[in-house]
Amino acid sequence: MGNLRNKYTDEEWYELEVSIEKDRRNGKPDDLFLSIPIYNEDLDKLRKIRNYLSEFYSDYNLLNLDKWINWKTNENN
């Protein structure tokens, strides 16, 4: 694996460092994903969550939630 620093000019690297430091000062979270526990949620609640989130996210983004819903549906049958 190459050195990340070598991929940038001095000016580009400086701009990157300034941007990162500004984000830290402003409290930008490190995590890129929101994680919510769904294992113990009942099937009806999961479907409501899925329905609501579908207004904002694609089916692809909700695929993991769909898998949980399918698993819980099959488990209850």
N, C-alpha and C. Protein backbone atom coordinates (compact mmCIF):
# COMPACT_ATOMS: atom_id res chain seq x y z
N MET A 1 0.85 -1.17 0.00
CA MET A 1 0.00 0.00 0.00
C MET A 1 0.90 1.24 0.00
N GLY A 2 0.58 2.20 -0.84
CA GLY A 2 1.40 3.40 -0.95
C GLY A 2 1.08 4.41 0.13
N ASN A 3 1.93 5.40 0.20
CA ASN A 3 1.77 6.47 1.16
C ASN A 3 0.71 7.44 0.65
N LEU A 4 -0.33 7.69 1.44
CA LEU A 4 -1.41 8.59 1.04
C LEU A 4 -0.89 9.99 0.77
N ARG A 5 0.07 10.44 1.56
CA ARG A 5 0.61 11.79 1.41
C ARG A 5 1.21 12.01 0.04
N ASN A 6 1.81 10.98 -0.55
CA ASN A 6 2.47 11.10 -1.84
C ASN A 6 1.48 11.30 -3.00
N LYS A 7 0.21 11.08 -2.74
CA LYS A 7 -0.80 11.23 -3.80
C LYS A 7 -1.26 12.67 -3.97
N TYR A 8 -0.82 13.56 -3.08
CA TYR A 8 -1.27 14.96 -3.10
C TYR A 8 -0.09 15.91 -3.26
N THR A 9 -0.38 17.06 -3.87
CA THR A 9 0.62 18.13 -3.87
C THR A 9 0.64 18.74 -2.47
N ASP A 10 1.65 19.55 -2.17
CA ASP A 10 1.72 20.20 -0.86
C ASP A 10 0.48 21.05 -0.60
N GLU A 11 0.03 21.77 -1.60
CA GLU A 11 -1.14 22.64 -1.44
C GLU A 11 -2.41 21.81 -1.20
N GLU A 12 -2.58 20.74 -1.96
CA GLU A 12 -3.75 19.87 -1.77
C GLU A 12 -3.74 19.25 -0.38
N TRP A 13 -2.57 18.81 0.09
CA TRP A 13 -2.46 18.20 1.40
C TRP A 13 -2.79 19.20 2.50
N TYR A 14 -2.28 20.42 2.36
CA TYR A 14 -2.57 21.48 3.33
C TYR A 14 -4.07 21.75 3.39
N GLU A 15 -4.72 21.84 2.23
CA GLU A 15 -6.17 22.08 2.19
C GLU A 15 -6.94 20.95 2.87
N LEU A 16 -6.48 19.74 2.65
CA LEU A 16 -7.10 18.58 3.27
C LEU A 16 -6.95 18.63 4.79
N GLU A 17 -5.76 18.95 5.27
CA GLU A 17 -5.53 19.05 6.71
C GLU A 17 -6.39 20.14 7.34
N VAL A 18 -6.48 21.30 6.68
CA VAL A 18 -7.29 22.41 7.19
C VAL A 18 -8.75 22.00 7.25
N SER A 19 -9.24 21.32 6.24
CA SER A 19 -10.62 20.87 6.20
C SER A 19 -10.92 19.88 7.33
N ILE A 20 -10.02 18.94 7.54
CA ILE A 20 -10.19 17.94 8.61
C ILE A 20 -10.20 18.62 9.98
N GLU A 21 -9.28 19.54 10.20
CA GLU A 21 -9.21 20.24 11.48
C GLU A 21 -10.46 21.09 11.72
N LYS A 22 -10.96 21.74 10.68
CA LYS A 22 -12.19 22.53 10.80
C LYS A 22 -13.36 21.63 11.16
N ASP A 23 -13.47 20.48 10.50
CA ASP A 23 -14.55 19.54 10.80
C ASP A 23 -14.48 19.08 12.25
N ARG A 24 -13.28 18.80 12.75
CA ARG A 24 -13.11 18.36 14.15
C ARG A 24 -13.55 19.45 15.12
N ARG A 25 -13.12 20.68 14.87
CA ARG A 25 -13.50 21.79 15.75
C ARG A 25 -15.01 21.99 15.77
N ASN A 26 -15.66 21.75 14.64
CA ASN A 26 -17.11 21.94 14.54
C ASN A 26 -17.91 20.73 15.03
N GLY A 27 -17.20 19.70 15.50
CA GLY A 27 -17.86 18.55 16.08
C GLY A 27 -18.39 17.52 15.09
N LYS A 28 -17.82 17.47 13.89
CA LYS A 28 -18.27 16.48 12.90
C LYS A 28 -18.02 15.08 13.44
N PRO A 29 -19.07 14.25 13.47
CA PRO A 29 -18.89 12.87 13.96
C PRO A 29 -17.99 12.06 13.04
N ASP A 30 -17.30 11.09 13.61
CA ASP A 30 -16.44 10.20 12.84
C ASP A 30 -17.25 9.14 12.10
N ASP A 31 -18.38 8.75 12.69
CA ASP A 31 -19.19 7.69 12.09
C ASP A 31 -19.95 8.20 10.88
N LEU A 32 -20.03 7.36 9.85
CA LEU A 32 -20.75 7.72 8.63
C LEU A 32 -22.14 7.12 8.57
N PHE A 33 -22.44 6.25 9.54
CA PHE A 33 -23.72 5.55 9.52
C PHE A 33 -24.42 5.70 10.86
N LEU A 34 -25.72 5.74 10.81
CA LEU A 34 -26.52 5.72 12.01
C LEU A 34 -26.87 4.26 12.29
N SER A 35 -26.59 3.82 13.48
CA SER A 35 -26.84 2.43 13.83
C SER A 35 -27.94 2.37 14.87
N ILE A 36 -28.98 1.62 14.56
CA ILE A 36 -30.07 1.44 15.51
C ILE A 36 -30.32 -0.06 15.70
N PRO A 37 -30.54 -0.49 16.93
CA PRO A 37 -30.79 -1.91 17.16
C PRO A 37 -32.21 -2.26 16.71
N ILE A 38 -32.33 -3.33 15.93
CA ILE A 38 -33.66 -3.73 15.45
C ILE A 38 -33.98 -5.18 15.79
N TYR A 39 -33.05 -5.92 16.34
CA TYR A 39 -33.25 -7.35 16.57
C TYR A 39 -34.48 -7.64 17.42
N ASN A 40 -34.69 -6.87 18.48
CA ASN A 40 -35.80 -7.13 19.39
C ASN A 40 -37.09 -6.40 19.02
N GLU A 41 -37.09 -5.67 17.92
CA GLU A 41 -38.29 -4.97 17.51
C GLU A 41 -39.29 -5.94 16.89
N ASP A 42 -40.57 -5.69 17.14
CA ASP A 42 -41.57 -6.59 16.56
C ASP A 42 -41.75 -6.29 15.07
N LEU A 43 -42.35 -7.23 14.39
CA LEU A 43 -42.49 -7.17 12.94
C LEU A 43 -43.27 -5.94 12.49
N ASP A 44 -44.33 -5.59 13.20
CA ASP A 44 -45.14 -4.43 12.83
C ASP A 44 -44.31 -3.14 12.89
N LYS A 45 -43.52 -3.01 13.94
CA LYS A 45 -42.67 -1.82 14.08
C LYS A 45 -41.62 -1.75 12.98
N LEU A 46 -41.02 -2.89 12.64
CA LEU A 46 -40.03 -2.92 11.56
C LEU A 46 -40.65 -2.50 10.23
N ARG A 47 -41.85 -2.96 9.98
CA ARG A 47 -42.54 -2.57 8.74
C ARG A 47 -42.84 -1.08 8.71
N LYS A 48 -43.21 -0.52 9.84
CA LYS A 48 -43.47 0.92 9.92
C LYS A 48 -42.18 1.71 9.67
N ILE A 49 -41.11 1.25 10.28
CA ILE A 49 -39.80 1.90 10.06
C ILE A 49 -39.43 1.84 8.59
N ARG A 50 -39.60 0.67 7.99
CA ARG A 50 -39.27 0.46 6.56
C ARG A 50 -40.10 1.38 5.69
N ASN A 51 -41.38 1.46 5.98
CA ASN A 51 -42.27 2.30 5.19
C ASN A 51 -41.87 3.77 5.28
N TYR A 52 -41.57 4.21 6.47
CA TYR A 52 -41.18 5.61 6.66
C TYR A 52 -39.85 5.91 5.96
N LEU A 53 -38.86 5.05 6.14
CA LEU A 53 -37.54 5.29 5.56
C LEU A 53 -37.54 5.20 4.03
N SER A 54 -38.51 4.48 3.47
CA SER A 54 -38.56 4.32 2.01
C SER A 54 -38.79 5.65 1.29
N GLU A 55 -39.30 6.64 2.01
CA GLU A 55 -39.47 7.97 1.42
C GLU A 55 -38.12 8.66 1.20
N PHE A 56 -37.11 8.23 1.93
CA PHE A 56 -35.83 8.91 1.92
C PHE A 56 -34.68 8.09 1.34
N TYR A 57 -34.83 6.76 1.35
CA TYR A 57 -33.75 5.88 0.92
C TYR A 57 -34.23 4.90 -0.13
N SER A 58 -33.31 4.46 -0.97
CA SER A 58 -33.63 3.51 -2.02
C SER A 58 -33.80 2.11 -1.43
N ASP A 59 -34.38 1.23 -2.23
CA ASP A 59 -34.53 -0.16 -1.81
C ASP A 59 -33.17 -0.79 -1.50
N TYR A 60 -32.17 -0.42 -2.26
CA TYR A 60 -30.83 -0.95 -2.03
C TYR A 60 -30.33 -0.57 -0.63
N ASN A 61 -30.54 0.69 -0.23
CA ASN A 61 -30.10 1.15 1.08
C ASN A 61 -30.85 0.47 2.22
N LEU A 62 -32.04 0.00 1.92
CA LEU A 62 -32.87 -0.63 2.95
C LEU A 62 -32.84 -2.15 2.89
N LEU A 63 -31.94 -2.69 2.10
CA LEU A 63 -31.88 -4.13 1.89
C LEU A 63 -31.67 -4.91 3.19
N ASN A 64 -30.80 -4.43 4.05
CA ASN A 64 -30.55 -5.12 5.31
C ASN A 64 -31.80 -5.14 6.18
N LEU A 65 -32.52 -4.04 6.21
CA LEU A 65 -33.78 -3.99 6.96
C LEU A 65 -34.80 -4.97 6.35
N ASP A 66 -34.84 -5.03 5.04
CA ASP A 66 -35.74 -5.98 4.36
C ASP A 66 -35.41 -7.42 4.74
N LYS A 67 -34.13 -7.72 4.85
CA LYS A 67 -33.72 -9.07 5.24
C LYS A 67 -34.20 -9.41 6.65
N TRP A 68 -34.12 -8.45 7.56
CA TRP A 68 -34.61 -8.68 8.91
C TRP A 68 -36.12 -8.87 8.91
N ILE A 69 -36.81 -8.08 8.15
CA ILE A 69 -38.27 -8.21 8.07
C ILE A 69 -38.64 -9.58 7.51
N ASN A 70 -37.96 -9.99 6.46
CA ASN A 70 -38.23 -11.31 5.87
C ASN A 70 -37.94 -12.43 6.86
N TRP A 71 -36.83 -12.33 7.57
CA TRP A 71 -36.47 -13.35 8.54
C TRP A 71 -37.52 -13.43 9.65
N LYS A 72 -37.93 -12.28 10.17
CA LYS A 72 -38.94 -12.27 11.24
C LYS A 72 -40.28 -12.77 10.73
N THR A 73 -40.60 -12.46 9.47
CA THR A 73 -41.86 -12.93 8.88
C THR A 73 -41.83 -14.47 8.79
N ASN A 74 -40.74 -15.02 8.31
CA ASN A 74 -40.61 -16.48 8.17
C ASN A 74 -40.56 -17.17 9.54
N GLU A 75 -39.97 -16.49 10.50
CA GLU A 75 -39.86 -17.06 11.84
C GLU A 75 -41.23 -17.19 12.51
N ASN A 76 -42.12 -16.25 12.19
CA ASN A 76 -43.45 -16.24 12.79
C ASN A 76 -44.42 -17.19 12.09
N ASN A 77 -44.03 -17.75 10.96
CA ASN A 77 -44.92 -18.67 10.23
C ASN A 77 -44.68 -20.10 10.61
